[in-house]
PDB file of all heavy atoms in Angstrom:
ATOM      1  N   HIS A   1      41.672  14.350  98.970  1.00  0.00           N
ATOM      2  CA  HIS A   1      40.744  15.335  98.495  1.00  0.00           C
ATOM      3  C   HIS A   1      39.936  14.883  97.283  1.00  0.00           C
ATOM      4  O   HIS A   1      39.213  15.648  96.677  1.00  0.00           O
ATOM      5  CB  HIS A   1      41.440  16.664  98.249  1.00  0.00           C
ATOM      6  CG  HIS A   1      42.016  17.296  99.540  1.00  0.00           C
ATOM      7  ND1 HIS A   1      43.150  18.032  99.398  1.00  0.00           N
ATOM      8  CD2 HIS A   1      41.646  17.292 100.672  1.00  0.00           C
ATOM      9  CE1 HIS A   1      43.466  18.413 100.598  1.00  0.00           C
ATOM     10  NE2 HIS A   1      42.556  17.843 101.405  1.00  0.00           N
ATOM     11  N   LEU A   2      40.128  13.674  96.869  1.00  0.00           N
ATOM     12  CA  LEU A   2      39.316  13.070  95.804  1.00  0.00           C
ATOM     13  C   LEU A   2      37.851  12.945  96.198  1.00  0.00           C
ATOM     14  O   LEU A   2      37.706  12.563  97.317  1.00  0.00           O
ATOM     15  CB  LEU A   2      39.918  11.733  95.226  1.00  0.00           C
ATOM     16  CG  LEU A   2      41.362  11.902  94.616  1.00  0.00           C
ATOM     17  CD1 LEU A   2      41.807  10.411  94.393  1.00  0.00           C
ATOM     18  CD2 LEU A   2      41.301  12.603  93.356  1.00  0.00           C
ATOM     19  N   PRO A   3      36.960  13.133  95.218  1.00  0.00           N
ATOM     20  CA  PRO A   3      35.582  12.951  95.628  1.00  0.00           C
ATOM     21  C   PRO A   3      35.237  11.472  95.841  1.00  0.00           C
ATOM     22  O   PRO A   3      35.841  10.587  95.167  1.00  0.00           O
ATOM     23  CB  PRO A   3      34.722  13.413  94.359  1.00  0.00           C
ATOM     24  CG  PRO A   3      35.723  14.051  93.493  1.00  0.00           C
ATOM     25  CD  PRO A   3      37.201  13.836  93.999  1.00  0.00           C
ATOM     26  N   GLU A   4      34.372  11.266  96.834  1.00  0.00           N
ATOM     27  CA  GLU A   4      34.159   9.855  97.133  1.00  0.00           C
ATOM     28  C   GLU A   4      33.517   9.040  95.979  1.00  0.00           C
ATOM     29  O   GLU A   4      33.979   7.863  95.699  1.00  0.00           O
ATOM     30  CB  GLU A   4      33.133   9.672  98.413  1.00  0.00           C
ATOM     31  CG  GLU A   4      33.000   8.256  98.853  1.00  0.00           C
ATOM     32  CD  GLU A   4      32.181   8.300 100.167  1.00  0.00           C
ATOM     33  OE1 GLU A   4      32.046   9.277 100.826  1.00  0.00           O
ATOM     34  OE2 GLU A   4      31.696   7.124 100.474  1.00  0.00           O
ATOM     35  N   PRO A   5      32.636   9.612  95.148  1.00  0.00           N
ATOM     36  CA  PRO A   5      32.178   8.896  94.007  1.00  0.00           C
ATOM     37  C   PRO A   5      33.273   8.449  92.882  1.00  0.00           C
ATOM     38  O   PRO A   5      33.105   7.371  92.326  1.00  0.00           O
ATOM     39  CB  PRO A   5      31.134   9.840  93.248  1.00  0.00           C
ATOM     40  CG  PRO A   5      30.809  10.766  94.469  1.00  0.00           C
ATOM     41  CD  PRO A   5      32.069  10.847  95.298  1.00  0.00           C
ATOM     42  N   TYR A   6      34.273   9.246  92.867  1.00  0.00           N
ATOM     43  CA  TYR A   6      35.429   8.837  92.013  1.00  0.00           C
ATOM     44  C   TYR A   6      36.184   7.530  92.593  1.00  0.00           C
ATOM     45  O   TYR A   6      36.418   6.637  91.804  1.00  0.00           O
ATOM     46  CB  TYR A   6      36.395   9.987  91.939  1.00  0.00           C
ATOM     47  CG  TYR A   6      37.485   9.866  90.967  1.00  0.00           C
ATOM     48  CD1 TYR A   6      37.367   9.769  89.557  1.00  0.00           C
ATOM     49  CD2 TYR A   6      38.838   9.875  91.461  1.00  0.00           C
ATOM     50  CE1 TYR A   6      38.373   9.658  88.729  1.00  0.00           C
ATOM     51  CE2 TYR A   6      39.916   9.816  90.524  1.00  0.00           C
ATOM     52  CZ  TYR A   6      39.688   9.764  89.121  1.00  0.00           C
ATOM     53  OH  TYR A   6      40.617   9.602  88.139  1.00  0.00           O
ATOM     54  N   LEU A   7      36.288   7.429  93.838  1.00  0.00           N
ATOM     55  CA  LEU A   7      36.902   6.288  94.525  1.00  0.00           C
ATOM     56  C   LEU A   7      36.006   5.129  94.497  1.00  0.00           C
ATOM     57  O   LEU A   7      36.450   4.063  94.250  1.00  0.00           O
ATOM     58  CB  LEU A   7      37.305   6.679  96.025  1.00  0.00           C
ATOM     59  CG  LEU A   7      38.454   7.753  96.092  1.00  0.00           C
ATOM     60  CD1 LEU A   7      38.499   8.335  97.619  1.00  0.00           C
ATOM     61  CD2 LEU A   7      39.708   7.180  95.685  1.00  0.00           C
ATOM     62  N   VAL A   8      34.689   5.312  94.668  1.00  0.00           N
ATOM     63  CA  VAL A   8      33.774   4.247  94.422  1.00  0.00           C
ATOM     64  C   VAL A   8      33.844   3.641  93.005  1.00  0.00           C
ATOM     65  O   VAL A   8      33.818   2.379  92.864  1.00  0.00           O
ATOM     66  CB  VAL A   8      32.233   4.638  94.793  1.00  0.00           C
ATOM     67  CG1 VAL A   8      31.321   3.704  94.414  1.00  0.00           C
ATOM     68  CG2 VAL A   8      32.312   5.067  96.269  1.00  0.00           C
ATOM     69  N   TRP A   9      33.921   4.598  92.068  1.00  0.00           N
ATOM     70  CA  TRP A   9      34.069   4.063  90.659  1.00  0.00           C
ATOM     71  C   TRP A   9      35.337   3.270  90.558  1.00  0.00           C
ATOM     72  O   TRP A   9      35.247   2.117  89.861  1.00  0.00           O
ATOM     73  CB  TRP A   9      34.178   5.316  89.762  1.00  0.00           C
ATOM     74  CG  TRP A   9      34.393   4.849  88.381  1.00  0.00           C
ATOM     75  CD1 TRP A   9      33.337   4.572  87.489  1.00  0.00           C
ATOM     76  CD2 TRP A   9      35.524   4.731  87.639  1.00  0.00           C
ATOM     77  NE1 TRP A   9      33.872   4.246  86.250  1.00  0.00           N
ATOM     78  CE2 TRP A   9      35.210   4.400  86.236  1.00  0.00           C
ATOM     79  CE3 TRP A   9      36.935   4.971  87.997  1.00  0.00           C
ATOM     80  CZ2 TRP A   9      36.251   4.167  85.268  1.00  0.00           C
ATOM     81  CZ3 TRP A   9      37.848   4.734  86.936  1.00  0.00           C
ATOM     82  CH2 TRP A   9      37.510   4.419  85.673  1.00  0.00           C
ATOM     83  N   PHE A  10      36.476   3.720  91.062  1.00  0.00           N
ATOM     84  CA  PHE A  10      37.719   2.854  91.032  1.00  0.00           C
ATOM     85  C   PHE A  10      37.464   1.511  91.691  1.00  0.00           C
ATOM     86  O   PHE A  10      37.868   0.566  91.162  1.00  0.00           O
ATOM     87  CB  PHE A  10      38.799   3.623  91.782  1.00  0.00           C
ATOM     88  CG  PHE A  10      39.731   4.384  90.744  1.00  0.00           C
ATOM     89  CD1 PHE A  10      39.862   5.709  90.806  1.00  0.00           C
ATOM     90  CD2 PHE A  10      40.574   3.711  89.774  1.00  0.00           C
ATOM     91  CE1 PHE A  10      40.609   6.471  90.069  1.00  0.00           C
ATOM     92  CE2 PHE A  10      41.336   4.373  88.918  1.00  0.00           C
ATOM     93  CZ  PHE A  10      41.437   5.737  88.866  1.00  0.00           C
ATOM     94  N   HIS A  11      36.858   1.636  92.863  1.00  0.00           N
ATOM     95  CA  HIS A  11      36.612   0.442  93.568  1.00  0.00           C
ATOM     96  C   HIS A  11      35.715  -0.717  92.768  1.00  0.00           C
ATOM     97  O   HIS A  11      36.092  -1.870  92.725  1.00  0.00           O
ATOM     98  CB  HIS A  11      35.775   0.634  94.870  1.00  0.00           C
ATOM     99  CG  HIS A  11      35.585  -0.517  95.683  1.00  0.00           C
ATOM    100  ND1 HIS A  11      34.399  -1.259  95.818  1.00  0.00           N
ATOM    101  CD2 HIS A  11      36.416  -1.170  96.671  1.00  0.00           C
ATOM    102  CE1 HIS A  11      34.345  -2.272  96.573  1.00  0.00           C
ATOM    103  NE2 HIS A  11      35.678  -2.253  97.152  1.00  0.00           N
ATOM    104  N   SER A  12      34.795  -0.105  92.002  1.00  0.00           N
ATOM    105  CA  SER A  12      33.940  -1.120  91.186  1.00  0.00           C
ATOM    106  C   SER A  12      34.767  -1.493  89.831  1.00  0.00           C
ATOM    107  O   SER A  12      34.489  -2.633  89.542  1.00  0.00           O
ATOM    108  CB  SER A  12      32.693  -0.327  90.817  1.00  0.00           C
ATOM    109  OG  SER A  12      32.873   0.691  89.931  1.00  0.00           O
ATOM    110  N   LYS A  13      35.545  -0.783  89.345  1.00  0.00           N
ATOM    111  CA  LYS A  13      36.292  -1.047  88.119  1.00  0.00           C
ATOM    112  C   LYS A  13      37.658  -1.705  88.441  1.00  0.00           C
ATOM    113  O   LYS A  13      38.159  -2.399  87.621  1.00  0.00           O
ATOM    114  CB  LYS A  13      36.520   0.244  87.323  1.00  0.00           C
ATOM    115  CG  LYS A  13      35.212   0.930  86.797  1.00  0.00           C
ATOM    116  CD  LYS A  13      34.507  -0.006  85.973  1.00  0.00           C
ATOM    117  CE  LYS A  13      33.224   0.707  85.456  1.00  0.00           C
ATOM    118  NZ  LYS A  13      32.411  -0.088  84.511  1.00  0.00           N
ATOM    119  N   GLY A  14      38.148  -1.515  89.638  1.00  0.00           N
ATOM    120  CA  GLY A  14      39.382  -2.005  89.946  1.00  0.00           C
ATOM    121  C   GLY A  14      40.474  -0.949  90.048  1.00  0.00           C
ATOM    122  O   GLY A  14      40.590  -0.115  89.245  1.00  0.00           O
ATOM    123  N   PHE A  15      41.160  -0.905  91.110  1.00  0.00           N
ATOM    124  CA  PHE A  15      42.248   0.101  91.449  1.00  0.00           C
ATOM    125  C   PHE A  15      43.408  -0.300  90.542  1.00  0.00           C
ATOM    126  O   PHE A  15      43.716  -1.465  90.258  1.00  0.00           O
ATOM    127  CB  PHE A  15      42.665   0.090  92.894  1.00  0.00           C
ATOM    128  CG  PHE A  15      41.542   0.565  93.767  1.00  0.00           C
ATOM    129  CD1 PHE A  15      40.889  -0.301  94.640  1.00  0.00           C
ATOM    130  CD2 PHE A  15      41.201   1.840  93.851  1.00  0.00           C
ATOM    131  CE1 PHE A  15      39.944   0.181  95.523  1.00  0.00           C
ATOM    132  CE2 PHE A  15      40.271   2.382  94.730  1.00  0.00           C
ATOM    133  CZ  PHE A  15      39.515   1.519  95.549  1.00  0.00           C
ATOM    134  N   PRO A  16      44.283   0.735  90.146  1.00  0.00           N
ATOM    135  CA  PRO A  16      45.483   0.391  89.432  1.00  0.00           C
ATOM    136  C   PRO A  16      46.381  -0.534  90.167  1.00  0.00           C
ATOM    137  O   PRO A  16      46.344  -0.440  91.497  1.00  0.00           O
ATOM    138  CB  PRO A  16      46.062   1.826  89.118  1.00  0.00           C
ATOM    139  CG  PRO A  16      45.012   2.856  89.522  1.00  0.00           C
ATOM    140  CD  PRO A  16      44.037   2.149  90.422  1.00  0.00           C
ATOM    141  N   GLU A  17      47.231  -1.100  89.562  1.00  0.00           N
ATOM    142  CA  GLU A  17      48.171  -2.042  90.187  1.00  0.00           C
ATOM    143  C   GLU A  17      49.314  -1.166  90.895  1.00  0.00           C
ATOM    144  O   GLU A  17      49.555   0.111  90.539  1.00  0.00           O
ATOM    145  CB  GLU A  17      48.865  -2.993  89.293  1.00  0.00           C
ATOM    146  CG  GLU A  17      47.747  -4.046  88.847  1.00  0.00           C
ATOM    147  CD  GLU A  17      48.439  -5.192  88.156  1.00  0.00           C
ATOM    148  OE1 GLU A  17      49.617  -5.477  88.322  1.00  0.00           O
ATOM    149  OE2 GLU A  17      47.744  -5.807  87.272  1.00  0.00           O
ATOM    150  N   GLY A  18      49.919  -1.690  91.870  1.00  0.00           N
ATOM    151  CA  GLY A  18      51.133  -1.011  92.473  1.00  0.00           C
ATOM    152  C   GLY A  18      50.750  -0.035  93.610  1.00  0.00           C
ATOM    153  O   GLY A  18      49.690  -0.088  94.161  1.00  0.00           O
ATOM    154  N   LYS A  19      51.835   0.791  93.930  1.00  0.00           N
ATOM    155  CA  LYS A  19      51.673   1.558  95.030  1.00  0.00           C
ATOM    156  C   LYS A  19      50.413   2.557  94.991  1.00  0.00           C
ATOM    157  O   LYS A  19      49.719   2.656  96.053  1.00  0.00           O
ATOM    158  CB  LYS A  19      52.924   2.364  95.274  1.00  0.00           C
ATOM    159  CG  LYS A  19      52.984   3.361  96.383  1.00  0.00           C
ATOM    160  CD  LYS A  19      54.271   4.076  96.625  1.00  0.00           C
ATOM    161  CE  LYS A  19      54.356   5.067  97.727  1.00  0.00           C
ATOM    162  NZ  LYS A  19      55.587   5.648  97.847  1.00  0.00           N
ATOM    163  N   LEU A  20      50.237   3.215  93.790  1.00  0.00           N
ATOM    164  CA  LEU A  20      49.051   4.043  93.695  1.00  0.00           C
ATOM    165  C   LEU A  20      47.756   3.365  93.912  1.00  0.00           C
ATOM    166  O   LEU A  20      46.896   3.882  94.637  1.00  0.00           O
ATOM    167  CB  LEU A  20      49.066   4.763  92.277  1.00  0.00           C
ATOM    168  CG  LEU A  20      47.900   5.647  91.987  1.00  0.00           C
ATOM    169  CD1 LEU A  20      47.926   6.897  92.975  1.00  0.00           C
ATOM    170  CD2 LEU A  20      47.833   6.178  90.558  1.00  0.00           C
ATOM    171  N   GLY A  21      47.589   2.246  93.419  1.00  0.00           N
ATOM    172  CA  GLY A  21      46.348   1.407  93.723  1.00  0.00           C
ATOM    173  C   GLY A  21      46.098   1.153  95.177  1.00  0.00           C
ATOM    174  O   GLY A  21      45.081   1.286  95.640  1.00  0.00           O
ATOM    175  N   GLU A  22      47.149   0.748  95.792  1.00  0.00           N
ATOM    176  CA  GLU A  22      47.130   0.523  97.271  1.00  0.00           C
ATOM    177  C   GLU A  22      46.696   1.754  97.918  1.00  0.00           C
ATOM    178  O   GLU A  22      45.852   1.743  98.929  1.00  0.00           O
ATOM    179  CB  GLU A  22      48.489   0.004  97.723  1.00  0.00           C
ATOM    180  CG  GLU A  22      48.761  -1.341  97.279  1.00  0.00           C
ATOM    181  CD  GLU A  22      50.222  -1.752  97.651  1.00  0.00           C
ATOM    182  OE1 GLU A  22      50.845  -1.061  98.448  1.00  0.00           O
ATOM    183  OE2 GLU A  22      50.689  -2.802  97.132  1.00  0.00           O
ATOM    184  N   GLN A  23      47.261   2.910  97.619  1.00  0.00           N
ATOM    185  CA  GLN A  23      47.023   4.208  98.245  1.00  0.00           C
ATOM    186  C   GLN A  23      45.478   4.473  97.988  1.00  0.00           C
ATOM    187  O   GLN A  23      44.810   4.973  98.921  1.00  0.00           O
ATOM    188  CB  GLN A  23      47.939   5.263  97.726  1.00  0.00           C
ATOM    189  CG  GLN A  23      49.307   5.099  98.282  1.00  0.00           C
ATOM    190  CD  GLN A  23      50.382   6.149  97.746  1.00  0.00           C
ATOM    191  OE1 GLN A  23      50.180   6.550  96.595  1.00  0.00           O
ATOM    192  NE2 GLN A  23      51.241   6.527  98.516  1.00  0.00           N
ATOM    193  N   LEU A  24      44.984   4.423  96.822  1.00  0.00           N
ATOM    194  CA  LEU A  24      43.703   4.762  96.418  1.00  0.00           C
ATOM    195  C   LEU A  24      42.673   3.783  97.298  1.00  0.00           C
ATOM    196  O   LEU A  24      41.709   4.383  97.680  1.00  0.00           O
ATOM    197  CB  LEU A  24      43.455   4.558  94.947  1.00  0.00           C
ATOM    198  CG  LEU A  24      43.951   5.711  94.009  1.00  0.00           C
ATOM    199  CD1 LEU A  24      43.959   5.313  92.554  1.00  0.00           C
ATOM    200  CD2 LEU A  24      43.197   7.002  94.245  1.00  0.00           C
ATOM    201  N   ALA A  25      43.074   2.554  97.407  1.00  0.00           N
ATOM    202  CA  ALA A  25      42.185   1.709  98.142  1.00  0.00           C
ATOM    203  C   ALA A  25      42.167   2.096  99.619  1.00  0.00           C
ATOM    204  O   ALA A  25      41.121   1.985 100.210  1.00  0.00           O
ATOM    205  CB  ALA A  25      42.758   0.286  97.977  1.00  0.00           C
ATOM    206  N   LEU A  26      43.211   2.476 100.164  1.00  0.00           N
ATOM    207  CA  LEU A  26      43.255   2.939 101.498  1.00  0.00           C
ATOM    208  C   LEU A  26      42.381   4.180 101.670  1.00  0.00           C
ATOM    209  O   LEU A  26      41.608   4.250 102.633  1.00  0.00           O
ATOM    210  CB  LEU A  26      44.706   3.357 101.879  1.00  0.00           C
ATOM    211  CG  LEU A  26      44.821   3.938 103.229  1.00  0.00           C
ATOM    212  CD1 LEU A  26      44.355   3.112 104.405  1.00  0.00           C
ATOM    213  CD2 LEU A  26      46.332   4.346 103.504  1.00  0.00           C
ATOM    214  N   ILE A  27      42.504   5.178 100.807  1.00  0.00           N
ATOM    215  CA  ILE A  27      41.739   6.426 100.878  1.00  0.00           C
ATOM    216  C   ILE A  27      40.212   6.042 100.623  1.00  0.00           C
ATOM    217  O   ILE A  27      39.452   6.636 101.274  1.00  0.00           O
ATOM    218  CB  ILE A  27      42.187   7.371  99.888  1.00  0.00           C
ATOM    219  CG1 ILE A  27      43.714   7.826 100.127  1.00  0.00           C
ATOM    220  CG2 ILE A  27      41.323   8.675  99.843  1.00  0.00           C
ATOM    221  CD1 ILE A  27      43.955   8.453 101.562  1.00  0.00           C
ATOM    222  N   TYR A  28      39.803   5.150  99.878  1.00  0.00           N
ATOM    223  CA  TYR A  28      38.541   4.759  99.688  1.00  0.00           C
ATOM    224  C   TYR A  28      37.948   4.077 100.995  1.00  0.00           C
ATOM    225  O   TYR A  28      37.001   4.485 101.408  1.00  0.00           O
ATOM    226  CB  TYR A  28      38.476   3.587  98.545  1.00  0.00           C
ATOM    227  CG  TYR A  28      37.172   2.826  98.667  1.00  0.00           C
ATOM    228  CD1 TYR A  28      36.037   3.341  98.002  1.00  0.00           C
ATOM    229  CD2 TYR A  28      37.039   1.501  99.117  1.00  0.00           C
ATOM    230  CE1 TYR A  28      34.820   2.681  97.946  1.00  0.00           C
ATOM    231  CE2 TYR A  28      35.858   0.886  99.225  1.00  0.00           C
ATOM    232  CZ  TYR A  28      34.694   1.429  98.550  1.00  0.00           C
ATOM    233  OH  TYR A  28      33.515   0.816  98.598  1.00  0.00           O
ATOM    234  N   GLU A  29      38.831   3.317 101.636  1.00  0.00           N
ATOM    235  CA  GLU A  29      38.281   2.781 103.009  1.00  0.00           C
ATOM    236  C   GLU A  29      38.120   3.949 104.035  1.00  0.00           C
ATOM    237  O   GLU A  29      37.361   3.964 104.746  1.00  0.00           O
ATOM    238  CB  GLU A  29      39.384   1.808 103.449  1.00  0.00           C
ATOM    239  CG  GLU A  29      39.318   0.456 102.663  1.00  0.00           C
ATOM    240  CD  GLU A  29      37.959  -0.244 102.831  1.00  0.00           C
ATOM    241  OE1 GLU A  29      37.243  -0.175 103.813  1.00  0.00           O
ATOM    242  OE2 GLU A  29      37.632  -0.991 101.790  1.00  0.00           O
ATOM    243  N   VAL A  30      39.105   4.827 104.047  1.00  0.00           N
ATOM    244  CA  VAL A  30      39.101   6.018 104.796  1.00  0.00           C
ATOM    245  C   VAL A  30      37.783   6.783 104.737  1.00  0.00           C
ATOM    246  O   VAL A  30      37.045   7.094 105.716  1.00  0.00           O
ATOM    247  CB  VAL A  30      40.189   6.963 104.739  1.00  0.00           C
ATOM    248  CG1 VAL A  30      40.017   8.391 105.261  1.00  0.00           C
ATOM    249  CG2 VAL A  30      41.536   6.334 105.200  1.00  0.00           C
ATOM    250  N   LYS A  31      37.489   7.122 103.478  1.00  0.00           N
ATOM    251  CA  LYS A  31      36.264   7.769 103.165  1.00  0.00           C
ATOM    252  C   LYS A  31      34.937   7.033 103.452  1.00  0.00           C
ATOM    253  O   LYS A  31      33.950   7.479 104.014  1.00  0.00           O
ATOM    254  CB  LYS A  31      36.173   8.367 101.829  1.00  0.00           C
ATOM    255  CG  LYS A  31      37.316   9.509 101.530  1.00  0.00           C
ATOM    256  CD  LYS A  31      37.139  10.097 100.243  1.00  0.00           C
ATOM    257  CE  LYS A  31      38.128  11.319 100.032  1.00  0.00           C
ATOM    258  NZ  LYS A  31      37.362  12.518 100.009  1.00  0.00           N
ATOM    259  N   LEU A  32      35.030   5.628 103.085  1.00  0.00           N
ATOM    260  CA  LEU A  32      33.908   4.773 103.381  1.00  0.00           C
ATOM    261  C   LEU A  32      33.447   4.793 104.825  1.00  0.00           C
ATOM    262  O   LEU A  32      32.286   4.723 105.226  1.00  0.00           O
ATOM    263  CB  LEU A  32      34.355   3.480 102.801  1.00  0.00           C
ATOM    264  CG  LEU A  32      33.156   2.423 102.924  1.00  0.00           C
ATOM    265  CD1 LEU A  32      31.988   2.670 102.047  1.00  0.00           C
ATOM    266  CD2 LEU A  32      33.716   1.061 102.563  1.00  0.00           C
ATOM    267  N   ASN A  33      34.548   4.857 105.721  1.00  0.00           N
ATOM    268  CA  ASN A  33      34.345   4.714 107.110  1.00  0.00           C
ATOM    269  C   ASN A  33      34.234   6.061 107.785  1.00  0.00           C
ATOM    270  O   ASN A  33      34.248   6.189 109.162  1.00  0.00           O
ATOM    271  CB  ASN A  33      35.398   3.894 107.831  1.00  0.00           C
ATOM    272  CG  ASN A  33      35.305   2.426 107.442  1.00  0.00           C
ATOM    273  OD1 ASN A  33      34.321   1.793 107.758  1.00  0.00           O
ATOM    274  ND2 ASN A  33      36.225   1.955 106.547  1.00  0.00           N
ATOM    275  N   GLY A  34      34.175   7.136 107.002  1.00  0.00           N
ATOM    276  CA  GLY A  34      33.976   8.561 107.596  1.00  0.00           C
ATOM    277  C   GLY A  34      35.159   9.047 108.443  1.00  0.00           C
ATOM    278  O   GLY A  34      35.072   9.752 109.452  1.00  0.00           O
ATOM    279  N   LEU A  35      36.408   8.626 107.979  1.00  0.00           N
ATOM    280  CA  LEU A  35      37.628   9.115 108.711  1.00  0.00           C
ATOM    281  C   LEU A  35      38.397  10.082 108.205  1.00  0.00           C
ATOM    282  O   LEU A  35      39.569  10.544 108.630  1.00  0.00           O
ATOM    283  CB  LEU A  35      38.520   7.844 108.869  1.00  0.00           C
ATOM    284  CG  LEU A  35      37.867   6.637 109.658  1.00  0.00           C
ATOM    285  CD1 LEU A  35      38.831   5.463 109.660  1.00  0.00           C
ATOM    286  CD2 LEU A  35      37.501   7.097 111.048  1.00  0.00           C
ATOM    287  N   GLU A  36      37.884  10.801 107.099  1.00  0.00           N
ATOM    288  CA  GLU A  36      38.540  11.791 106.331  1.00  0.00           C
ATOM    289  C   GLU A  36      38.896  12.981 107.240  1.00  0.00           C
ATOM    290  O   GLU A  36      40.120  13.415 107.230  1.00  0.00           O
ATOM    291  CB  GLU A  36      37.736  12.324 105.179  1.00  0.00           C
ATOM    292  CG  GLU A  36      38.355  13.320 104.346  1.00  0.00           C
ATOM    293  CD  GLU A  36      37.464  13.685 103.144  1.00  0.00           C
ATOM    294  OE1 GLU A  36      36.400  13.270 103.023  1.00  0.00           O
ATOM    295  OE2 GLU A  36      37.944  14.563 102.387  1.00  0.00           O
ATOM    296  N   ALA A  37      38.003  13.451 108.030  1.00  0.00           N
ATOM    297  CA  ALA A  37      38.360  14.577 108.968  1.00  0.00           C
ATOM    298  C   ALA A  37      39.355  14.238 110.022  1.00  0.00           C
ATOM    299  O   ALA A  37      40.274  15.123 110.329  1.00  0.00           O
ATOM    300  CB  ALA A  37      37.129  15.017 109.715  1.00  0.00           C
ATOM    301  N   MET A  38      39.509  13.104 110.390  1.00  0.00           N
ATOM    302  CA  MET A  38      40.518  12.543 111.359  1.00  0.00           C
ATOM    303  C   MET A  38      41.909  12.779 110.610  1.00  0.00           C
ATOM    304  O   MET A  38      43.002  13.013 111.355  1.00  0.00           O
ATOM    305  CB  MET A  38      40.309  11.209 111.767  1.00  0.00           C
ATOM    306  CG  MET A  38      41.247  10.713 112.824  1.00  0.00           C
ATOM    307  SD  MET A  38      40.865   9.129 113.444  1.00  0.00           S
ATOM    308  CE  MET A  38      41.626   8.097 112.191  1.00  0.00           C
ATOM    309  N   LEU A  39      42.057  12.557 109.337  1.00  0.00           N
ATOM    310  CA  LEU A  39      43.353  12.503 108.630  1.00  0.00           C
ATOM    311  C   LEU A  39      43.666  13.865 108.090  1.00  0.00           C
ATOM    312  O   LEU A  39      44.770  14.059 107.709  1.00  0.00           O
ATOM    313  CB  LEU A  39      43.348  11.418 107.514  1.00  0.00           C
ATOM    314  CG  LEU A  39      43.174   9.984 108.127  1.00  0.00           C
ATOM    315  CD1 LEU A  39      43.258   9.038 106.856  1.00  0.00           C
ATOM    316  CD2 LEU A  39      44.318   9.620 109.149  1.00  0.00           C
ATOM    317  N   ALA A  40      42.700  14.703 108.037  1.00  0.00           N
ATOM    318  CA  ALA A  40      42.925  16.086 107.434  1.00  0.00           C
ATOM    319  C   ALA A  40      44.238  16.750 108.020  1.00  0.00           C
ATOM    320  O   ALA A  40      44.832  17.381 107.212  1.00  0.00           O
ATOM    321  CB  ALA A  40      41.721  16.892 107.495  1.00  0.00           C
TER     322      ALA A  40
END
């Protein structure tokens, strides 16, 4: 449910290290590819 611009910002600045960063990167890719509704 994070806004896409927030995830884009993380993508440009760098995701945090560890599990959270991996999860944020995954959700970024989900939103980038328009798959959010499929995972809802």
